[in-house]
Amino acid sequence: NNMLLTAELYLQWCDDVTVEEITH
């Protein structure tokens, strides 16, 4: 929970390219 789940959330909401192309 502390590593994998947090990494998934980081990738979805803090990586700008992923945020723009996938998450939003």
mmCIF file of all heavy atoms, coordinates in Angstrom:
data_MODEL
# 
_entry.id   MODEL 
# 
loop_
_atom_site.group_PDB 
_atom_site.id 
_atom_site.type_symbol 
_atom_site.label_atom_id 
_atom_site.label_alt_id 
_atom_site.label_comp_id 
_atom_site.label_asym_id 
_atom_site.label_entity_id 
_atom_site.label_seq_id 
_atom_site.pdbx_PDB_ins_code 
_atom_site.Cartn_x 
_atom_site.Cartn_y 
_atom_site.Cartn_z 
_atom_site.occupancy 
_atom_site.B_iso_or_equiv 
_atom_site.pdbx_formal_charge 
_atom_site.auth_seq_id 
_atom_site.auth_comp_id 
_atom_site.auth_asym_id 
_atom_site.auth_atom_id 
_atom_site.pdbx_PDB_model_num 
ATOM 1   N N   . ASN A 1 1  ? 0.819   -1.223 0.000   1.00 0.00 ? 1  ASN A N   1 
ATOM 2   C CA  . ASN A 1 1  ? 0.000   0.000  0.000   1.00 0.00 ? 1  ASN A CA  1 
ATOM 3   C C   . ASN A 1 1  ? 0.851   1.270  0.000   1.00 0.00 ? 1  ASN A C   1 
ATOM 4   O O   . ASN A 1 1  ? 0.525   2.246  -0.672  1.00 0.00 ? 1  ASN A O   1 
ATOM 5   C CB  . ASN A 1 1  ? -0.949  -0.008 1.199   1.00 0.00 ? 1  ASN A CB  1 
ATOM 6   C CG  . ASN A 1 1  ? -2.104  -0.978 1.003   1.00 0.00 ? 1  ASN A CG  1 
ATOM 7   O OD1 . ASN A 1 1  ? -2.617  -1.127 -0.096  1.00 0.00 ? 1  ASN A OD1 1 
ATOM 8   N ND2 . ASN A 1 1  ? -2.502  -1.655 2.064   1.00 0.00 ? 1  ASN A ND2 1 
ATOM 9   N N   . ASN A 1 2  ? 1.954   1.236  0.748   1.00 0.00 ? 2  ASN A N   1 
ATOM 10  C CA  . ASN A 1 2  ? 2.801   2.431  0.846   1.00 0.00 ? 2  ASN A CA  1 
ATOM 11  C C   . ASN A 1 2  ? 3.641   2.663  -0.397  1.00 0.00 ? 2  ASN A C   1 
ATOM 12  O O   . ASN A 1 2  ? 3.990   3.803  -0.710  1.00 0.00 ? 2  ASN A O   1 
ATOM 13  C CB  . ASN A 1 2  ? 3.728   2.341  2.065   1.00 0.00 ? 2  ASN A CB  1 
ATOM 14  C CG  . ASN A 1 2  ? 2.967   2.458  3.371   1.00 0.00 ? 2  ASN A CG  1 
ATOM 15  O OD1 . ASN A 1 2  ? 1.836   2.941  3.404   1.00 0.00 ? 2  ASN A OD1 1 
ATOM 16  N ND2 . ASN A 1 2  ? 3.557   1.987  4.456   1.00 0.00 ? 2  ASN A ND2 1 
ATOM 17  N N   . MET A 1 3  ? 3.998   1.581  -1.101  1.00 0.00 ? 3  MET A N   1 
ATOM 18  C CA  . MET A 1 3  ? 4.883   1.730  -2.257  1.00 0.00 ? 3  MET A CA  1 
ATOM 19  C C   . MET A 1 3  ? 4.130   1.604  -3.592  1.00 0.00 ? 3  MET A C   1 
ATOM 20  O O   . MET A 1 3  ? 4.128   2.537  -4.382  1.00 0.00 ? 3  MET A O   1 
ATOM 21  C CB  . MET A 1 3  ? 6.005   0.675  -2.194  1.00 0.00 ? 3  MET A CB  1 
ATOM 22  C CG  . MET A 1 3  ? 6.843   0.775  -0.947  1.00 0.00 ? 3  MET A CG  1 
ATOM 23  S SD  . MET A 1 3  ? 7.920   2.210  -0.928  1.00 0.00 ? 3  MET A SD  1 
ATOM 24  C CE  . MET A 1 3  ? 9.458   1.448  -1.345  1.00 0.00 ? 3  MET A CE  1 
ATOM 25  N N   . LEU A 1 4  ? 3.475   0.470  -3.818  1.00 0.00 ? 4  LEU A N   1 
ATOM 26  C CA  . LEU A 1 4  ? 2.838   0.263  -5.126  1.00 0.00 ? 4  LEU A CA  1 
ATOM 27  C C   . LEU A 1 4  ? 1.633   1.175  -5.322  1.00 0.00 ? 4  LEU A C   1 
ATOM 28  O O   . LEU A 1 4  ? 1.505   1.835  -6.355  1.00 0.00 ? 4  LEU A O   1 
ATOM 29  C CB  . LEU A 1 4  ? 2.416   -1.199 -5.305  1.00 0.00 ? 4  LEU A CB  1 
ATOM 30  C CG  . LEU A 1 4  ? 3.532   -2.236 -5.457  1.00 0.00 ? 4  LEU A CG  1 
ATOM 31  C CD1 . LEU A 1 4  ? 2.941   -3.607 -5.780  1.00 0.00 ? 4  LEU A CD1 1 
ATOM 32  C CD2 . LEU A 1 4  ? 4.531   -1.836 -6.538  1.00 0.00 ? 4  LEU A CD2 1 
ATOM 33  N N   . LEU A 1 5  ? 0.743   1.210  -4.341  1.00 0.00 ? 5  LEU A N   1 
ATOM 34  C CA  . LEU A 1 5  ? -0.446  2.055  -4.479  1.00 0.00 ? 5  LEU A CA  1 
ATOM 35  C C   . LEU A 1 5  ? -0.060  3.529  -4.595  1.00 0.00 ? 5  LEU A C   1 
ATOM 36  O O   . LEU A 1 5  ? -0.593  4.262  -5.439  1.00 0.00 ? 5  LEU A O   1 
ATOM 37  C CB  . LEU A 1 5  ? -1.395  1.845  -3.291  1.00 0.00 ? 5  LEU A CB  1 
ATOM 38  C CG  . LEU A 1 5  ? -2.668  2.683  -3.284  1.00 0.00 ? 5  LEU A CG  1 
ATOM 39  C CD1 . LEU A 1 5  ? -3.507  2.454  -4.540  1.00 0.00 ? 5  LEU A CD1 1 
ATOM 40  C CD2 . LEU A 1 5  ? -3.515  2.389  -2.047  1.00 0.00 ? 5  LEU A CD2 1 
ATOM 41  N N   . THR A 1 6  ? 0.894   3.973  -3.779  1.00 0.00 ? 6  THR A N   1 
ATOM 42  C CA  . THR A 1 6  ? 1.331   5.382  -3.833  1.00 0.00 ? 6  THR A CA  1 
ATOM 43  C C   . THR A 1 6  ? 1.993   5.670  -5.178  1.00 0.00 ? 6  THR A C   1 
ATOM 44  O O   . THR A 1 6  ? 1.791   6.747  -5.755  1.00 0.00 ? 6  THR A O   1 
ATOM 45  C CB  . THR A 1 6  ? 2.291   5.703  -2.667  1.00 0.00 ? 6  THR A CB  1 
ATOM 46  O OG1 . THR A 1 6  ? 1.707   5.232  -1.449  1.00 0.00 ? 6  THR A OG1 1 
ATOM 47  C CG2 . THR A 1 6  ? 2.521   7.196  -2.538  1.00 0.00 ? 6  THR A CG2 1 
ATOM 48  N N   . ALA A 1 7  ? 2.752   4.710  -5.694  1.00 0.00 ? 7  ALA A N   1 
ATOM 49  C CA  . ALA A 1 7  ? 3.394   4.901  -7.004  1.00 0.00 ? 7  ALA A CA  1 
ATOM 50  C C   . ALA A 1 7  ? 2.348   5.012  -8.113  1.00 0.00 ? 7  ALA A C   1 
ATOM 51  O O   . ALA A 1 7  ? 2.479   5.827  -9.032  1.00 0.00 ? 7  ALA A O   1 
ATOM 52  C CB  . ALA A 1 7  ? 4.349   3.744  -7.295  1.00 0.00 ? 7  ALA A CB  1 
ATOM 53  N N   . GLU A 1 8  ? 1.296   4.189  -8.018  1.00 0.00 ? 8  GLU A N   1 
ATOM 54  C CA  . GLU A 1 8  ? 0.220   4.251  -9.024  1.00 0.00 ? 8  GLU A CA  1 
ATOM 55  C C   . GLU A 1 8  ? -0.463  5.615  -8.983  1.00 0.00 ? 8  GLU A C   1 
ATOM 56  O O   . GLU A 1 8  ? -0.729  6.216  -10.031 1.00 0.00 ? 8  GLU A O   1 
ATOM 57  C CB  . GLU A 1 8  ? -0.800  3.139  -8.746  1.00 0.00 ? 8  GLU A CB  1 
ATOM 58  C CG  . GLU A 1 8  ? -0.285  1.741  -9.049  1.00 0.00 ? 8  GLU A CG  1 
ATOM 59  C CD  . GLU A 1 8  ? -1.066  0.633  -8.344  1.00 0.00 ? 8  GLU A CD  1 
ATOM 60  O OE1 . GLU A 1 8  ? -2.087  0.932  -7.694  1.00 0.00 ? 8  GLU A OE1 1 
ATOM 61  O OE2 . GLU A 1 8  ? -0.649  -0.536 -8.435  1.00 0.00 ? 8  GLU A OE2 1 
ATOM 62  N N   . LEU A 1 9  ? -0.744  6.096  -7.777  1.00 0.00 ? 9  LEU A N   1 
ATOM 63  C CA  . LEU A 1 9  ? -1.385  7.409  -7.631  1.00 0.00 ? 9  LEU A CA  1 
ATOM 64  C C   . LEU A 1 9  ? -0.465  8.516  -8.146  1.00 0.00 ? 9  LEU A C   1 
ATOM 65  O O   . LEU A 1 9  ? -0.904  9.450  -8.827  1.00 0.00 ? 9  LEU A O   1 
ATOM 66  C CB  . LEU A 1 9  ? -1.747  7.665  -6.164  1.00 0.00 ? 9  LEU A CB  1 
ATOM 67  C CG  . LEU A 1 9  ? -2.923  6.849  -5.620  1.00 0.00 ? 9  LEU A CG  1 
ATOM 68  C CD1 . LEU A 1 9  ? -2.997  6.950  -4.102  1.00 0.00 ? 9  LEU A CD1 1 
ATOM 69  C CD2 . LEU A 1 9  ? -4.243  7.310  -6.238  1.00 0.00 ? 9  LEU A CD2 1 
ATOM 70  N N   . TYR A 1 10 ? 0.829   8.411  -7.848  1.00 0.00 ? 10 TYR A N   1 
ATOM 71  C CA  . TYR A 1 10 ? 1.804   9.404  -8.317  1.00 0.00 ? 10 TYR A CA  1 
ATOM 72  C C   . TYR A 1 10 ? 1.800   9.451  -9.847  1.00 0.00 ? 10 TYR A C   1 
ATOM 73  O O   . TYR A 1 10 ? 1.726   10.528 -10.452 1.00 0.00 ? 10 TYR A O   1 
ATOM 74  C CB  . TYR A 1 10 ? 3.207   9.043  -7.799  1.00 0.00 ? 10 TYR A CB  1 
ATOM 75  C CG  . TYR A 1 10 ? 4.297   9.952  -8.330  1.00 0.00 ? 10 TYR A CG  1 
ATOM 76  C CD1 . TYR A 1 10 ? 4.759   11.037 -7.573  1.00 0.00 ? 10 TYR A CD1 1 
ATOM 77  C CD2 . TYR A 1 10 ? 4.859   9.744  -9.593  1.00 0.00 ? 10 TYR A CD2 1 
ATOM 78  C CE1 . TYR A 1 10 ? 5.742   11.877 -8.066  1.00 0.00 ? 10 TYR A CE1 1 
ATOM 79  C CE2 . TYR A 1 10 ? 5.836   10.581 -10.097 1.00 0.00 ? 10 TYR A CE2 1 
ATOM 80  C CZ  . TYR A 1 10 ? 6.286   11.643 -9.334  1.00 0.00 ? 10 TYR A CZ  1 
ATOM 81  O OH  . TYR A 1 10 ? 7.257   12.484 -9.831  1.00 0.00 ? 10 TYR A OH  1 
ATOM 82  N N   . LEU A 1 11 ? 1.877   8.270  -10.450 1.00 0.00 ? 11 LEU A N   1 
ATOM 83  C CA  . LEU A 1 11 ? 1.935   8.195  -11.908 1.00 0.00 ? 11 LEU A CA  1 
ATOM 84  C C   . LEU A 1 11 ? 0.679   8.803  -12.539 1.00 0.00 ? 11 LEU A C   1 
ATOM 85  O O   . LEU A 1 11 ? 0.752   9.548  -13.515 1.00 0.00 ? 11 LEU A O   1 
ATOM 86  C CB  . LEU A 1 11 ? 2.068   6.723  -12.323 1.00 0.00 ? 11 LEU A CB  1 
ATOM 87  C CG  . LEU A 1 11 ? 2.531   6.454  -13.744 1.00 0.00 ? 11 LEU A CG  1 
ATOM 88  C CD1 . LEU A 1 11 ? 3.939   6.979  -13.959 1.00 0.00 ? 11 LEU A CD1 1 
ATOM 89  C CD2 . LEU A 1 11 ? 2.478   4.965  -14.038 1.00 0.00 ? 11 LEU A CD2 1 
ATOM 90  N N   . GLN A 1 12 ? -0.485  8.485  -11.952 1.00 0.00 ? 12 GLN A N   1 
ATOM 91  C CA  . GLN A 1 12 ? -1.758  8.971  -12.495 1.00 0.00 ? 12 GLN A CA  1 
ATOM 92  C C   . GLN A 1 12 ? -1.939  10.473 -12.368 1.00 0.00 ? 12 GLN A C   1 
ATOM 93  O O   . GLN A 1 12 ? -2.506  11.108 -13.245 1.00 0.00 ? 12 GLN A O   1 
ATOM 94  C CB  . GLN A 1 12 ? -2.925  8.318  -11.746 1.00 0.00 ? 12 GLN A CB  1 
ATOM 95  C CG  . GLN A 1 12 ? -3.177  6.886  -12.122 1.00 0.00 ? 12 GLN A CG  1 
ATOM 96  C CD  . GLN A 1 12 ? -4.086  6.180  -11.140 1.00 0.00 ? 12 GLN A CD  1 
ATOM 97  O OE1 . GLN A 1 12 ? -4.184  4.991  -11.179 1.00 0.00 ? 12 GLN A OE1 1 
ATOM 98  N NE2 . GLN A 1 12 ? -4.741  6.896  -10.237 1.00 0.00 ? 12 GLN A NE2 1 
ATOM 99  N N   . TRP A 1 13 ? -1.502  11.034 -11.235 1.00 0.00 ? 13 TRP A N   1 
ATOM 100 C CA  . TRP A 1 13 ? -1.874  12.411 -10.914 1.00 0.00 ? 13 TRP A CA  1 
ATOM 101 C C   . TRP A 1 13 ? -0.703  13.400 -10.828 1.00 0.00 ? 13 TRP A C   1 
ATOM 102 O O   . TRP A 1 13 ? -0.929  14.597 -10.732 1.00 0.00 ? 13 TRP A O   1 
ATOM 103 C CB  . TRP A 1 13 ? -2.656  12.447 -9.603  1.00 0.00 ? 13 TRP A CB  1 
ATOM 104 C CG  . TRP A 1 13 ? -3.947  11.708 -9.693  1.00 0.00 ? 13 TRP A CG  1 
ATOM 105 C CD1 . TRP A 1 13 ? -4.231  10.467 -9.203  1.00 0.00 ? 13 TRP A CD1 1 
ATOM 106 C CD2 . TRP A 1 13 ? -5.151  12.147 -10.334 1.00 0.00 ? 13 TRP A CD2 1 
ATOM 107 N NE1 . TRP A 1 13 ? -5.531  10.106 -9.493  1.00 0.00 ? 13 TRP A NE1 1 
ATOM 108 C CE2 . TRP A 1 13 ? -6.123  11.125 -10.184 1.00 0.00 ? 13 TRP A CE2 1 
ATOM 109 C CE3 . TRP A 1 13 ? -5.521  13.326 -11.021 1.00 0.00 ? 13 TRP A CE3 1 
ATOM 110 C CZ2 . TRP A 1 13 ? -7.414  11.234 -10.696 1.00 0.00 ? 13 TRP A CZ2 1 
ATOM 111 C CZ3 . TRP A 1 13 ? -6.812  13.422 -11.526 1.00 0.00 ? 13 TRP A CZ3 1 
ATOM 112 C CH2 . TRP A 1 13 ? -7.740  12.391 -11.356 1.00 0.00 ? 13 TRP A CH2 1 
ATOM 113 N N   . CYS A 1 14 ? 0.546   12.885 -10.866 1.00 0.00 ? 14 CYS A N   1 
ATOM 114 C CA  . CYS A 1 14 ? 1.692   13.793 -10.743 1.00 0.00 ? 14 CYS A CA  1 
ATOM 115 C C   . CYS A 1 14 ? 2.610   13.765 -11.961 1.00 0.00 ? 14 CYS A C   1 
ATOM 116 O O   . CYS A 1 14 ? 3.458   14.641 -12.107 1.00 0.00 ? 14 CYS A O   1 
ATOM 117 C CB  . CYS A 1 14 ? 2.516   13.452 -9.490  1.00 0.00 ? 14 CYS A CB  1 
ATOM 118 S SG  . CYS A 1 14 ? 1.564   13.561 -7.956  1.00 0.00 ? 14 CYS A SG  1 
ATOM 119 N N   . ASP A 1 15 ? 2.478   12.750 -12.812 1.00 0.00 ? 15 ASP A N   1 
ATOM 120 C CA  . ASP A 1 15 ? 3.263   12.716 -14.045 1.00 0.00 ? 15 ASP A CA  1 
ATOM 121 C C   . ASP A 1 15 ? 2.468   13.454 -15.120 1.00 0.00 ? 15 ASP A C   1 
ATOM 122 O O   . ASP A 1 15 ? 1.418   12.993 -15.569 1.00 0.00 ? 15 ASP A O   1 
ATOM 123 C CB  . ASP A 1 15 ? 3.522   11.266 -14.467 1.00 0.00 ? 15 ASP A CB  1 
ATOM 124 C CG  . ASP A 1 15 ? 4.290   11.188 -15.777 1.00 0.00 ? 15 ASP A CG  1 
ATOM 125 O OD1 . ASP A 1 15 ? 5.424   11.700 -15.831 1.00 0.00 ? 15 ASP A OD1 1 
ATOM 126 O OD2 . ASP A 1 15 ? 3.744   10.635 -16.758 1.00 0.00 ? 15 ASP A OD2 1 
ATOM 127 N N   . ASP A 1 16 ? 2.981   14.609 -15.524 1.00 0.00 ? 16 ASP A N   1 
ATOM 128 C CA  . ASP A 1 16 ? 2.197   15.527 -16.363 1.00 0.00 ? 16 ASP A CA  1 
ATOM 129 C C   . ASP A 1 16 ? 1.683   14.907 -17.663 1.00 0.00 ? 16 ASP A C   1 
ATOM 130 O O   . ASP A 1 16 ? 0.540   15.149 -18.064 1.00 0.00 ? 16 ASP A O   1 
ATOM 131 C CB  . ASP A 1 16 ? 3.015   16.791 -16.669 1.00 0.00 ? 16 ASP A CB  1 
ATOM 132 C CG  . ASP A 1 16 ? 3.204   17.640 -15.417 1.00 0.00 ? 16 ASP A CG  1 
ATOM 133 O OD1 . ASP A 1 16 ? 2.393   17.484 -14.480 1.00 0.00 ? 16 ASP A OD1 1 
ATOM 134 O OD2 . ASP A 1 16 ? 4.169   18.422 -15.359 1.00 0.00 ? 16 ASP A OD2 1 
ATOM 135 N N   . VAL A 1 17 ? 2.515   14.113 -18.326 1.00 0.00 ? 17 VAL A N   1 
ATOM 136 C CA  . VAL A 1 17 ? 2.093   13.517 -19.606 1.00 0.00 ? 17 VAL A CA  1 
ATOM 137 C C   . VAL A 1 17 ? 0.946   12.537 -19.375 1.00 0.00 ? 17 VAL A C   1 
ATOM 138 O O   . VAL A 1 17 ? -0.057  12.531 -20.104 1.00 0.00 ? 17 VAL A O   1 
ATOM 139 C CB  . VAL A 1 17 ? 3.287   12.798 -20.290 1.00 0.00 ? 17 VAL A CB  1 
ATOM 140 C CG1 . VAL A 1 17 ? 2.836   12.195 -21.616 1.00 0.00 ? 17 VAL A CG1 1 
ATOM 141 C CG2 . VAL A 1 17 ? 4.429   13.765 -20.517 1.00 0.00 ? 17 VAL A CG2 1 
ATOM 142 N N   . THR A 1 18 ? 1.081   11.693 -18.324 1.00 0.00 ? 18 THR A N   1 
ATOM 143 C CA  . THR A 1 18 ? 0.021   10.721 -18.012 1.00 0.00 ? 18 THR A CA  1 
ATOM 144 C C   . THR A 1 18 ? -1.265  11.430 -17.611 1.00 0.00 ? 18 THR A C   1 
ATOM 145 O O   . THR A 1 18 ? -2.364  11.028 -18.021 1.00 0.00 ? 18 THR A O   1 
ATOM 146 C CB  . THR A 1 18 ? 0.481   9.778  -16.875 1.00 0.00 ? 18 THR A CB  1 
ATOM 147 O OG1 . THR A 1 18 ? 1.719   9.169  -17.266 1.00 0.00 ? 18 THR A OG1 1 
ATOM 148 C CG2 . THR A 1 18 ? -0.539  8.690  -16.597 1.00 0.00 ? 18 THR A CG2 1 
ATOM 149 N N   . VAL A 1 19 ? -1.125  12.495 -16.823 1.00 0.00 ? 19 VAL A N   1 
ATOM 150 C CA  . VAL A 1 19 ? -2.294  13.270 -16.393 1.00 0.00 ? 19 VAL A CA  1 
ATOM 151 C C   . VAL A 1 19 ? -3.058  13.792 -17.612 1.00 0.00 ? 19 VAL A C   1 
ATOM 152 O O   . VAL A 1 19 ? -4.276  13.634 -17.720 1.00 0.00 ? 19 VAL A O   1 
ATOM 153 C CB  . VAL A 1 19 ? -1.873  14.461 -15.496 1.00 0.00 ? 19 VAL A CB  1 
ATOM 154 C CG1 . VAL A 1 19 ? -3.031  15.430 -15.287 1.00 0.00 ? 19 VAL A CG1 1 
ATOM 155 C CG2 . VAL A 1 19 ? -1.379  13.960 -14.144 1.00 0.00 ? 19 VAL A CG2 1 
ATOM 156 N N   . GLU A 1 20 ? -2.322  14.379 -18.545 1.00 0.00 ? 20 GLU A N   1 
ATOM 157 C CA  . GLU A 1 20 ? -2.953  15.011 -19.704 1.00 0.00 ? 20 GLU A CA  1 
ATOM 158 C C   . GLU A 1 20 ? -3.546  13.992 -20.685 1.00 0.00 ? 20 GLU A C   1 
ATOM 159 O O   . GLU A 1 20 ? -4.653  14.163 -21.190 1.00 0.00 ? 20 GLU A O   1 
ATOM 160 C CB  . GLU A 1 20 ? -1.923  15.886 -20.427 1.00 0.00 ? 20 GLU A CB  1 
ATOM 161 C CG  . GLU A 1 20 ? -2.551  16.779 -21.478 1.00 0.00 ? 20 GLU A CG  1 
ATOM 162 C CD  . GLU A 1 20 ? -1.511  17.683 -22.124 1.00 0.00 ? 20 GLU A CD  1 
ATOM 163 O OE1 . GLU A 1 20 ? -0.541  18.088 -21.451 1.00 0.00 ? 20 GLU A OE1 1 
ATOM 164 O OE2 . GLU A 1 20 ? -1.682  17.964 -23.318 1.00 0.00 ? 20 GLU A OE2 1 
ATOM 165 N N   . GLU A 1 21 ? -2.797  12.916 -20.928 1.00 0.00 ? 21 GLU A N   1 
ATOM 166 C CA  . GLU A 1 21 ? -3.208  11.980 -21.976 1.00 0.00 ? 21 GLU A CA  1 
ATOM 167 C C   . GLU A 1 21 ? -4.148  10.877 -21.492 1.00 0.00 ? 21 GLU A C   1 
ATOM 168 O O   . GLU A 1 21 ? -4.929  10.345 -22.265 1.00 0.00 ? 21 GLU A O   1 
ATOM 169 C CB  . GLU A 1 21 ? -1.969  11.356 -22.632 1.00 0.00 ? 21 GLU A CB  1 
ATOM 170 C CG  . GLU A 1 21 ? -1.155  12.378 -23.408 1.00 0.00 ? 21 GLU A CG  1 
ATOM 171 C CD  . GLU A 1 21 ? -0.127  11.721 -24.311 1.00 0.00 ? 21 GLU A CD  1 
ATOM 172 O OE1 . GLU A 1 21 ? -0.290  10.542 -24.660 1.00 0.00 ? 21 GLU A OE1 1 
ATOM 173 O OE2 . GLU A 1 21 ? 0.847   12.409 -24.656 1.00 0.00 ? 21 GLU A OE2 1 
ATOM 174 N N   . ILE A 1 22 ? -4.050  10.507 -20.215 1.00 0.00 ? 22 ILE A N   1 
ATOM 175 C CA  . ILE A 1 22 ? -4.848  9.382  -19.718 1.00 0.00 ? 22 ILE A CA  1 
ATOM 176 C C   . ILE A 1 22 ? -5.786  9.776  -18.582 1.00 0.00 ? 22 ILE A C   1 
ATOM 177 O O   . ILE A 1 22 ? -6.991  9.559  -18.656 1.00 0.00 ? 22 ILE A O   1 
ATOM 178 C CB  . ILE A 1 22 ? -3.924  8.221  -19.246 1.00 0.00 ? 22 ILE A CB  1 
ATOM 179 C CG1 . ILE A 1 22 ? -3.183  7.622  -20.445 1.00 0.00 ? 22 ILE A CG1 1 
ATOM 180 C CG2 . ILE A 1 22 ? -4.728  7.142  -18.527 1.00 0.00 ? 22 ILE A CG2 1 
ATOM 181 C CD1 . ILE A 1 22 ? -2.153  6.561  -20.073 1.00 0.00 ? 22 ILE A CD1 1 
ATOM 182 N N   . THR A 1 23 ? -5.203  10.343 -17.513 1.00 0.00 ? 23 THR A N   1 
ATOM 183 C CA  . THR A 1 23 ? -5.965  10.497 -16.269 1.00 0.00 ? 23 THR A CA  1 
ATOM 184 C C   . THR A 1 23 ? -7.157  11.438 -16.409 1.00 0.00 ? 23 THR A C   1 
ATOM 185 O O   . THR A 1 23 ? -8.289  11.052 -16.104 1.00 0.00 ? 23 THR A O   1 
ATOM 186 C CB  . THR A 1 23 ? -5.047  10.970 -15.125 1.00 0.00 ? 23 THR A CB  1 
ATOM 187 O OG1 . THR A 1 23 ? -3.893  10.122 -15.074 1.00 0.00 ? 23 THR A OG1 1 
ATOM 188 C CG2 . THR A 1 23 ? -5.775  10.908 -13.795 1.00 0.00 ? 23 THR A CG2 1 
ATOM 189 N N   . HIS A 1 24 ? -6.910  12.660 -16.852 1.00 0.00 ? 24 HIS A N   1 
ATOM 190 C CA  . HIS A 1 24 ? -8.018  13.626 -16.954 1.00 0.00 ? 24 HIS A CA  1 
ATOM 191 C C   . HIS A 1 24 ? -9.110  13.164 -17.922 1.00 0.00 ? 24 HIS A C   1 
ATOM 192 O O   . HIS A 1 24 ? -10.296 13.205 -17.569 1.00 0.00 ? 24 HIS A O   1 
ATOM 193 C CB  . HIS A 1 24 ? -7.490  15.012 -17.328 1.00 0.00 ? 24 HIS A CB  1 
ATOM 194 C CG  . HIS A 1 24 ? -6.975  15.780 -16.149 1.00 0.00 ? 24 HIS A CG  1 
ATOM 195 N ND1 . HIS A 1 24 ? -6.661  17.127 -16.183 1.00 0.00 ? 24 HIS A ND1 1 
ATOM 196 C CD2 . HIS A 1 24 ? -6.725  15.400 -14.874 1.00 0.00 ? 24 HIS A CD2 1 
ATOM 197 C CE1 . HIS A 1 24 ? -6.231  17.524 -14.991 1.00 0.00 ? 24 HIS A CE1 1 
ATOM 198 N NE2 . HIS A 1 24 ? -6.251  16.495 -14.186 1.00 0.00 ? 24 HIS A NE2 1 
# 
